[in-house]
Amino acid sequence: MASIANITVFDGAATPVSHTLNAISVTPSDGLAGSVEALWREALSATPAYANVRAKVKMQSLKSGVVRVESEIVVPVMESVSGNNEQGYTAAPQVAYENRYLVIGFFSQRSTVTDRRLARQIVANLLGNVSTSVAAATSGPLPDAYDSLVAPT
């Protein structure tokens, strides 16, 4: 198994909160040659594992030769538990729903790191409502996966 590093990222709250996603695994996926999946999950002790923020990056070499890179971020939202019943029992909190964000890129084998970085940065600027020129981010687990067409190591 390849090794991956933890990811620290801020959320979009009015007062941003830092989330540390712990590296879980890097494994071959789908039984296809060149397909790799990397997983991360936040590890808040007061929250069940399934209710923590998680991230996945998956790289697949398609039969056409095109490389598909997918990143998925899942943010579970817990039920709000208040009060108890007549017997004094308070139910354990559960996940009410999950918000998912999925970004998929398809890259030609002929594309260069610069080509892929340009496309990724345009998407990032559109999502961030950035209409002015900003320097492309050239490091980090997702930029590395998209630009270099390699799974995070």
N, C-alpha and C. Protein backbone atom coordinates (compact mmCIF):
# COMPACT_ATOMS: atom_id res chain seq x y z
N MET A 1 0.83 -1.18 0.00
CA MET A 1 0.00 0.00 0.00
C MET A 1 0.87 1.24 0.00
N ALA A 2 0.56 2.18 -0.88
CA ALA A 2 1.26 3.46 -0.89
C ALA A 2 0.87 4.23 0.37
N SER A 3 1.64 5.25 0.71
CA SER A 3 1.31 6.04 1.89
C SER A 3 0.74 7.38 1.45
N ILE A 4 -0.18 7.91 2.25
CA ILE A 4 -0.77 9.22 2.00
C ILE A 4 -0.70 10.03 3.28
N ALA A 5 -0.74 11.34 3.14
CA ALA A 5 -0.65 12.23 4.29
C ALA A 5 -2.03 12.69 4.72
N ASN A 6 -2.13 13.14 5.96
CA ASN A 6 -3.36 13.74 6.44
C ASN A 6 -3.60 15.05 5.70
N ILE A 7 -4.86 15.47 5.62
CA ILE A 7 -5.24 16.71 4.97
C ILE A 7 -5.86 17.63 6.01
N THR A 8 -5.42 18.87 6.07
CA THR A 8 -6.04 19.87 6.93
C THR A 8 -6.68 20.91 6.02
N VAL A 9 -7.98 21.15 6.24
CA VAL A 9 -8.73 22.05 5.37
C VAL A 9 -9.73 22.84 6.21
N PHE A 10 -9.98 24.08 5.80
CA PHE A 10 -10.97 24.91 6.47
C PHE A 10 -12.31 24.76 5.78
N ASP A 11 -13.39 24.86 6.55
CA ASP A 11 -14.72 24.78 5.95
C ASP A 11 -15.19 26.17 5.53
N GLY A 12 -16.42 26.28 5.10
CA GLY A 12 -16.95 27.55 4.62
C GLY A 12 -17.83 28.26 5.62
N ALA A 13 -17.70 27.95 6.90
CA ALA A 13 -18.52 28.58 7.93
C ALA A 13 -18.15 30.06 8.07
N ALA A 14 -19.06 30.84 8.67
CA ALA A 14 -18.81 32.27 8.87
C ALA A 14 -17.50 32.48 9.63
N THR A 15 -17.27 31.65 10.64
CA THR A 15 -15.97 31.59 11.31
C THR A 15 -15.38 30.25 10.92
N PRO A 16 -14.45 30.22 9.95
CA PRO A 16 -13.95 28.95 9.43
C PRO A 16 -13.36 28.05 10.52
N VAL A 17 -13.66 26.77 10.40
CA VAL A 17 -13.17 25.74 11.32
C VAL A 17 -12.23 24.84 10.54
N SER A 18 -11.12 24.50 11.16
CA SER A 18 -10.14 23.61 10.55
C SER A 18 -10.55 22.16 10.76
N HIS A 19 -10.53 21.38 9.69
CA HIS A 19 -10.84 19.94 9.75
C HIS A 19 -9.59 19.17 9.33
N THR A 20 -9.19 18.20 10.13
CA THR A 20 -8.07 17.34 9.76
C THR A 20 -8.63 15.99 9.34
N LEU A 21 -8.42 15.65 8.07
CA LEU A 21 -8.87 14.37 7.54
C LEU A 21 -7.68 13.41 7.60
N ASN A 22 -7.83 12.36 8.37
CA ASN A 22 -6.76 11.39 8.55
C ASN A 22 -6.70 10.42 7.38
N ALA A 23 -5.49 10.12 6.95
CA ALA A 23 -5.29 9.17 5.86
C ALA A 23 -5.76 7.80 6.32
N ILE A 24 -6.58 7.15 5.50
CA ILE A 24 -7.11 5.83 5.83
C ILE A 24 -6.44 4.76 4.99
N SER A 25 -6.49 4.90 3.65
CA SER A 25 -5.93 3.85 2.81
C SER A 25 -5.72 4.32 1.37
N VAL A 26 -4.85 3.60 0.68
CA VAL A 26 -4.68 3.71 -0.77
C VAL A 26 -4.74 2.29 -1.29
N THR A 27 -5.69 2.00 -2.16
CA THR A 27 -5.86 0.64 -2.65
C THR A 27 -6.17 0.62 -4.14
N PRO A 28 -5.83 -0.47 -4.82
CA PRO A 28 -6.28 -0.62 -6.21
C PRO A 28 -7.80 -0.69 -6.19
N SER A 29 -8.45 -0.16 -7.23
CA SER A 29 -9.91 -0.18 -7.25
C SER A 29 -10.42 -0.75 -8.56
N ASP A 30 -11.60 -1.29 -8.53
CA ASP A 30 -12.31 -1.80 -9.70
C ASP A 30 -11.60 -2.94 -10.42
N GLY A 31 -10.50 -3.41 -9.93
CA GLY A 31 -9.78 -4.49 -10.59
C GLY A 31 -9.18 -4.09 -11.93
N LEU A 32 -9.16 -2.80 -12.25
CA LEU A 32 -8.59 -2.34 -13.51
C LEU A 32 -7.15 -1.91 -13.29
N ALA A 33 -6.31 -2.23 -14.27
CA ALA A 33 -4.90 -1.80 -14.18
C ALA A 33 -4.86 -0.29 -14.14
N GLY A 34 -4.06 0.26 -13.24
CA GLY A 34 -3.91 1.71 -13.15
C GLY A 34 -5.01 2.40 -12.37
N SER A 35 -5.92 1.66 -11.76
CA SER A 35 -6.99 2.27 -10.97
C SER A 35 -6.62 2.25 -9.50
N VAL A 36 -6.71 3.41 -8.87
CA VAL A 36 -6.30 3.56 -7.47
C VAL A 36 -7.34 4.41 -6.75
N GLU A 37 -7.58 4.09 -5.47
CA GLU A 37 -8.50 4.87 -4.66
C GLU A 37 -7.83 5.21 -3.33
N ALA A 38 -7.89 6.48 -2.94
CA ALA A 38 -7.33 6.94 -1.67
C ALA A 38 -8.47 7.48 -0.80
N LEU A 39 -8.45 7.15 0.50
CA LEU A 39 -9.51 7.55 1.42
C LEU A 39 -8.97 8.31 2.63
N TRP A 40 -9.73 9.32 3.06
CA TRP A 40 -9.43 10.09 4.27
C TRP A 40 -10.71 10.23 5.07
N ARG A 41 -10.59 10.39 6.42
CA ARG A 41 -11.76 10.61 7.26
C ARG A 41 -11.35 11.42 8.48
N GLU A 42 -12.20 12.34 8.87
CA GLU A 42 -11.97 13.09 10.10
C GLU A 42 -12.18 12.13 11.27
N ALA A 43 -11.53 12.37 12.38
CA ALA A 43 -11.63 11.45 13.52
C ALA A 43 -12.02 12.20 14.78
N LEU A 44 -13.21 12.78 14.78
CA LEU A 44 -13.69 13.46 15.99
C LEU A 44 -14.16 12.41 16.98
N SER A 45 -13.63 12.45 18.18
CA SER A 45 -13.92 11.40 19.17
C SER A 45 -15.37 11.40 19.63
N ALA A 46 -16.04 12.53 19.59
CA ALA A 46 -17.43 12.61 20.06
C ALA A 46 -18.43 12.23 18.97
N THR A 47 -17.94 11.88 17.79
CA THR A 47 -18.81 11.57 16.66
C THR A 47 -18.48 10.18 16.14
N PRO A 48 -19.50 9.36 15.84
CA PRO A 48 -19.20 8.04 15.26
C PRO A 48 -18.43 8.19 13.95
N ALA A 49 -17.63 7.19 13.61
CA ALA A 49 -16.79 7.25 12.40
C ALA A 49 -17.62 7.56 11.16
N TYR A 50 -18.80 6.93 11.03
CA TYR A 50 -19.63 7.14 9.84
C TYR A 50 -20.20 8.56 9.75
N ALA A 51 -20.13 9.31 10.85
CA ALA A 51 -20.69 10.65 10.87
C ALA A 51 -19.63 11.74 10.74
N ASN A 52 -18.39 11.36 10.45
CA ASN A 52 -17.31 12.32 10.27
C ASN A 52 -17.15 12.68 8.79
N VAL A 53 -16.61 13.86 8.54
CA VAL A 53 -16.32 14.29 7.18
C VAL A 53 -15.34 13.29 6.56
N ARG A 54 -15.57 12.96 5.29
CA ARG A 54 -14.65 12.03 4.61
C ARG A 54 -14.39 12.48 3.18
N ALA A 55 -13.27 12.01 2.65
CA ALA A 55 -12.87 12.37 1.28
C ALA A 55 -12.35 11.13 0.58
N LYS A 56 -12.55 11.11 -0.75
CA LYS A 56 -12.07 10.00 -1.56
C LYS A 56 -11.55 10.58 -2.87
N VAL A 57 -10.40 10.08 -3.32
CA VAL A 57 -9.87 10.41 -4.64
C VAL A 57 -9.65 9.10 -5.36
N LYS A 58 -10.18 9.02 -6.57
CA LYS A 58 -10.09 7.79 -7.35
C LYS A 58 -9.56 8.12 -8.74
N MET A 59 -8.56 7.36 -9.19
CA MET A 59 -8.00 7.54 -10.53
C MET A 59 -8.22 6.24 -11.29
N GLN A 60 -8.74 6.37 -12.53
CA GLN A 60 -9.00 5.21 -13.38
C GLN A 60 -8.44 5.46 -14.76
N SER A 61 -7.76 4.47 -15.32
CA SER A 61 -7.36 4.52 -16.72
C SER A 61 -8.46 3.81 -17.51
N LEU A 62 -9.20 4.57 -18.33
CA LEU A 62 -10.29 4.00 -19.10
C LEU A 62 -9.77 3.26 -20.32
N LYS A 63 -10.59 2.37 -20.89
CA LYS A 63 -10.18 1.60 -22.06
C LYS A 63 -9.77 2.49 -23.22
N SER A 64 -10.35 3.68 -23.31
CA SER A 64 -10.04 4.61 -24.39
C SER A 64 -8.67 5.25 -24.24
N GLY A 65 -8.03 5.06 -23.07
CA GLY A 65 -6.75 5.70 -22.80
C GLY A 65 -6.89 6.98 -22.01
N VAL A 66 -8.12 7.49 -21.90
CA VAL A 66 -8.37 8.70 -21.12
C VAL A 66 -8.28 8.34 -19.64
N VAL A 67 -7.73 9.25 -18.84
CA VAL A 67 -7.62 9.03 -17.40
C VAL A 67 -8.74 9.81 -16.71
N ARG A 68 -9.50 9.12 -15.87
CA ARG A 68 -10.61 9.73 -15.13
C ARG A 68 -10.16 9.89 -13.69
N VAL A 69 -10.23 11.13 -13.18
CA VAL A 69 -9.88 11.41 -11.79
C VAL A 69 -11.13 11.97 -11.12
N GLU A 70 -11.52 11.35 -10.01
CA GLU A 70 -12.73 11.75 -9.29
C GLU A 70 -12.39 12.04 -7.84
N SER A 71 -12.88 13.16 -7.34
CA SER A 71 -12.75 13.44 -5.91
C SER A 71 -14.14 13.66 -5.34
N GLU A 72 -14.37 13.07 -4.17
CA GLU A 72 -15.67 13.17 -3.52
C GLU A 72 -15.45 13.58 -2.06
N ILE A 73 -16.18 14.59 -1.64
CA ILE A 73 -16.16 15.04 -0.25
C ILE A 73 -17.57 14.82 0.30
N VAL A 74 -17.66 14.19 1.47
CA VAL A 74 -18.96 13.91 2.10
C VAL A 74 -18.96 14.57 3.47
N VAL A 75 -20.00 15.39 3.71
CA VAL A 75 -20.15 16.08 5.00
C VAL A 75 -21.47 15.64 5.62
N PRO A 76 -21.43 14.69 6.57
CA PRO A 76 -22.65 14.25 7.25
C PRO A 76 -23.19 15.34 8.18
N VAL A 77 -24.50 15.40 8.31
CA VAL A 77 -25.16 16.35 9.22
C VAL A 77 -25.94 15.52 10.24
N MET A 78 -25.65 15.77 11.51
CA MET A 78 -26.28 15.00 12.58
C MET A 78 -27.66 15.55 12.94
N GLU A 79 -28.54 14.64 13.39
CA GLU A 79 -29.84 15.03 13.94
C GLU A 79 -29.59 15.84 15.20
N SER A 80 -30.49 16.75 15.48
CA SER A 80 -30.40 17.50 16.72
C SER A 80 -31.24 16.78 17.77
N VAL A 81 -30.60 16.28 18.82
CA VAL A 81 -31.30 15.54 19.87
C VAL A 81 -31.55 16.49 21.03
N SER A 82 -32.82 16.58 21.44
CA SER A 82 -33.12 17.44 22.59
C SER A 82 -34.12 16.73 23.49
N GLY A 83 -33.86 16.78 24.75
CA GLY A 83 -34.78 16.19 25.72
C GLY A 83 -34.75 14.68 25.72
N ASN A 84 -35.68 14.09 26.51
CA ASN A 84 -35.76 12.64 26.60
C ASN A 84 -37.23 12.24 26.71
N ASN A 85 -37.47 10.94 26.67
CA ASN A 85 -38.86 10.48 26.78
C ASN A 85 -39.27 10.33 28.25
N GLU A 86 -40.47 9.79 28.49
CA GLU A 86 -40.99 9.67 29.86
C GLU A 86 -40.12 8.80 30.75
N GLN A 87 -39.40 7.84 30.15
CA GLN A 87 -38.56 6.94 30.94
C GLN A 87 -37.17 7.51 31.17
N GLY A 88 -36.90 8.72 30.68
CA GLY A 88 -35.61 9.36 30.87
C GLY A 88 -34.58 8.96 29.84
N TYR A 89 -35.03 8.26 28.78
CA TYR A 89 -34.11 7.79 27.74
C TYR A 89 -33.92 8.87 26.67
N THR A 90 -32.67 9.14 26.36
CA THR A 90 -32.35 10.05 25.26
C THR A 90 -31.70 9.23 24.15
N ALA A 91 -32.29 9.28 22.99
CA ALA A 91 -31.77 8.49 21.86
C ALA A 91 -30.40 9.01 21.44
N ALA A 92 -29.58 8.10 20.97
CA ALA A 92 -28.26 8.48 20.45
C ALA A 92 -28.46 9.27 19.16
N PRO A 93 -27.64 10.29 18.95
CA PRO A 93 -27.77 11.07 17.71
C PRO A 93 -27.45 10.21 16.49
N GLN A 94 -28.08 10.52 15.38
CA GLN A 94 -27.86 9.80 14.13
C GLN A 94 -27.62 10.81 13.01
N VAL A 95 -27.09 10.31 11.90
CA VAL A 95 -26.89 11.17 10.73
C VAL A 95 -28.26 11.44 10.12
N ALA A 96 -28.60 12.71 9.95
CA ALA A 96 -29.87 13.09 9.34
C ALA A 96 -29.77 13.01 7.83
N TYR A 97 -28.65 13.49 7.28
CA TYR A 97 -28.42 13.45 5.84
C TYR A 97 -26.95 13.75 5.59
N GLU A 98 -26.53 13.58 4.34
CA GLU A 98 -25.14 13.86 3.97
C GLU A 98 -25.13 14.80 2.77
N ASN A 99 -24.25 15.78 2.81
CA ASN A 99 -24.01 16.64 1.66
C ASN A 99 -22.77 16.12 0.96
N ARG A 100 -22.86 15.94 -0.36
CA ARG A 100 -21.75 15.40 -1.15
C ARG A 100 -21.35 16.39 -2.23
N TYR A 101 -20.06 16.44 -2.46
CA TYR A 101 -19.52 17.26 -3.54
C TYR A 101 -18.64 16.35 -4.37
N LEU A 102 -18.91 16.27 -5.67
CA LEU A 102 -18.18 15.38 -6.56
C LEU A 102 -17.58 16.19 -7.70
N VAL A 103 -16.28 16.02 -7.91
CA VAL A 103 -15.59 16.69 -9.02
C VAL A 103 -14.92 15.59 -9.84
N ILE A 104 -15.19 15.59 -11.15
CA ILE A 104 -14.62 14.56 -12.02
C ILE A 104 -13.90 15.25 -13.18
N GLY A 105 -12.71 14.79 -13.45
CA GLY A 105 -11.95 15.29 -14.60
C GLY A 105 -11.61 14.15 -15.53
N PHE A 106 -11.63 14.42 -16.84
CA PHE A 106 -11.24 13.44 -17.85
C PHE A 106 -10.06 14.04 -18.61
N PHE A 107 -8.93 13.33 -18.64
CA PHE A 107 -7.71 13.88 -19.20
C PHE A 107 -7.12 12.96 -20.26
N SER A 108 -6.77 13.55 -21.38
CA SER A 108 -6.11 12.82 -22.45
C SER A 108 -4.71 12.41 -22.00
N GLN A 109 -4.24 11.27 -22.49
CA GLN A 109 -2.88 10.86 -22.18
C GLN A 109 -1.87 11.85 -22.76
N ARG A 110 -2.28 12.62 -23.76
CA ARG A 110 -1.38 13.59 -24.38
C ARG A 110 -1.32 14.91 -23.63
N SER A 111 -2.23 15.11 -22.66
CA SER A 111 -2.25 16.38 -21.94
C SER A 111 -1.02 16.50 -21.05
N THR A 112 -0.64 17.74 -20.79
CA THR A 112 0.51 18.01 -19.93
C THR A 112 0.03 18.45 -18.55
N VAL A 113 0.95 18.50 -17.59
CA VAL A 113 0.61 18.99 -16.26
C VAL A 113 0.04 20.41 -16.38
N THR A 114 0.65 21.23 -17.23
CA THR A 114 0.18 22.61 -17.41
C THR A 114 -1.24 22.63 -17.97
N ASP A 115 -1.56 21.77 -18.94
CA ASP A 115 -2.91 21.70 -19.50
C ASP A 115 -3.93 21.36 -18.42
N ARG A 116 -3.61 20.34 -17.63
CA ARG A 116 -4.54 19.89 -16.59
C ARG A 116 -4.68 20.94 -15.49
N ARG A 117 -3.58 21.59 -15.13
CA ARG A 117 -3.61 22.63 -14.10
C ARG A 117 -4.48 23.80 -14.55
N LEU A 118 -4.37 24.19 -15.81
CA LEU A 118 -5.17 25.30 -16.35
C LEU A 118 -6.66 24.97 -16.25
N ALA A 119 -7.05 23.77 -16.70
CA ALA A 119 -8.46 23.39 -16.65
C ALA A 119 -8.97 23.34 -15.21
N ARG A 120 -8.17 22.74 -14.31
CA ARG A 120 -8.58 22.65 -12.91
C ARG A 120 -8.72 24.02 -12.28
N GLN A 121 -7.80 24.93 -12.59
CA GLN A 121 -7.84 26.25 -11.97
C GLN A 121 -9.04 27.05 -12.47
N ILE A 122 -9.41 26.88 -13.74
CA ILE A 122 -10.61 27.57 -14.24
C ILE A 122 -11.84 27.10 -13.47
N VAL A 123 -11.96 25.78 -13.25
CA VAL A 123 -13.09 25.26 -12.48
C VAL A 123 -13.06 25.81 -11.05
N ALA A 124 -11.88 25.79 -10.43
CA ALA A 124 -11.76 26.31 -9.05
C ALA A 124 -12.16 27.78 -8.99
N ASN A 125 -11.74 28.57 -9.97
CA ASN A 125 -12.09 29.99 -9.97
C ASN A 125 -13.58 30.20 -10.19
N LEU A 126 -14.19 29.39 -11.06
CA LEU A 126 -15.63 29.50 -11.27
C LEU A 126 -16.40 29.14 -10.00
N LEU A 127 -15.99 28.08 -9.31
CA LEU A 127 -16.66 27.67 -8.08
C LEU A 127 -16.47 28.69 -6.96
N GLY A 128 -15.32 29.37 -6.97
CA GLY A 128 -15.03 30.36 -5.94
C GLY A 128 -15.47 31.76 -6.31
N ASN A 129 -16.15 31.90 -7.48
CA ASN A 129 -16.59 33.20 -7.98
C ASN A 129 -15.42 34.15 -8.11
N VAL A 130 -14.29 33.63 -8.59
CA VAL A 130 -13.10 34.45 -8.78
C VAL A 130 -13.05 34.86 -10.24
N SER A 131 -13.13 36.17 -10.48
CA SER A 131 -13.11 36.64 -11.87
C SER A 131 -11.80 37.32 -12.22
N THR A 132 -10.92 37.45 -11.24
CA THR A 132 -9.63 38.05 -11.52
C THR A 132 -8.57 36.97 -11.59
N SER A 133 -7.40 37.33 -12.04
CA SER A 133 -6.32 36.35 -12.19
C SER A 133 -5.73 36.00 -10.83
N VAL A 134 -5.60 34.72 -10.57
CA VAL A 134 -4.92 34.25 -9.37
C VAL A 134 -3.93 33.17 -9.77
N ALA A 135 -2.89 33.04 -9.00
CA ALA A 135 -1.90 32.01 -9.29
C ALA A 135 -2.51 30.63 -9.07
N ALA A 136 -2.18 29.71 -9.96
CA ALA A 136 -2.70 28.35 -9.83
C ALA A 136 -2.10 27.67 -8.61
N ALA A 137 -2.95 26.95 -7.87
CA ALA A 137 -2.44 26.16 -6.75
C ALA A 137 -1.71 24.96 -7.34
N THR A 138 -0.48 24.76 -6.91
CA THR A 138 0.32 23.70 -7.51
C THR A 138 0.65 22.58 -6.53
N SER A 139 0.11 22.65 -5.34
CA SER A 139 0.38 21.57 -4.40
C SER A 139 -0.87 21.29 -3.59
N GLY A 140 -0.87 20.13 -2.99
CA GLY A 140 -2.01 19.67 -2.23
C GLY A 140 -2.48 18.36 -2.80
N PRO A 141 -3.24 17.57 -2.03
CA PRO A 141 -3.60 16.23 -2.48
C PRO A 141 -4.47 16.21 -3.73
N LEU A 142 -5.45 17.09 -3.84
CA LEU A 142 -6.30 17.07 -5.03
C LEU A 142 -5.61 17.68 -6.24
N PRO A 143 -4.93 18.84 -6.13
CA PRO A 143 -4.19 19.32 -7.30
C PRO A 143 -3.17 18.31 -7.80
N ASP A 144 -2.48 17.64 -6.89
CA ASP A 144 -1.51 16.63 -7.31
C ASP A 144 -2.18 15.50 -8.08
N ALA A 145 -3.33 15.03 -7.58
CA ALA A 145 -4.02 13.93 -8.24
C ALA A 145 -4.49 14.34 -9.63
N TYR A 146 -5.01 15.54 -9.75
CA TYR A 146 -5.53 16.00 -11.04
C TYR A 146 -4.42 16.36 -12.01
N ASP A 147 -3.43 17.13 -11.56
CA ASP A 147 -2.40 17.64 -12.47
C ASP A 147 -1.41 16.56 -12.90
N SER A 148 -1.03 15.70 -11.98
CA SER A 148 0.02 14.73 -12.28
C SER A 148 -0.51 13.38 -12.71
N LEU A 149 -1.83 13.18 -12.63
CA LEU A 149 -2.46 11.92 -12.96
C LEU A 149 -1.88 10.76 -12.18
N VAL A 150 -1.54 11.04 -10.93
CA VAL A 150 -1.07 9.97 -10.04
C VAL A 150 -1.87 10.04 -8.76
N ALA A 151 -2.06 8.91 -8.14
CA ALA A 151 -2.75 8.89 -6.86
C ALA A 151 -1.86 9.53 -5.82
N PRO A 152 -2.46 10.17 -4.80
CA PRO A 152 -1.68 10.77 -3.74
C PRO A 152 -0.75 9.74 -3.10
N THR A 153 0.51 10.10 -2.91
CA THR A 153 1.45 9.17 -2.29
C THR A 153 2.10 9.81 -1.10
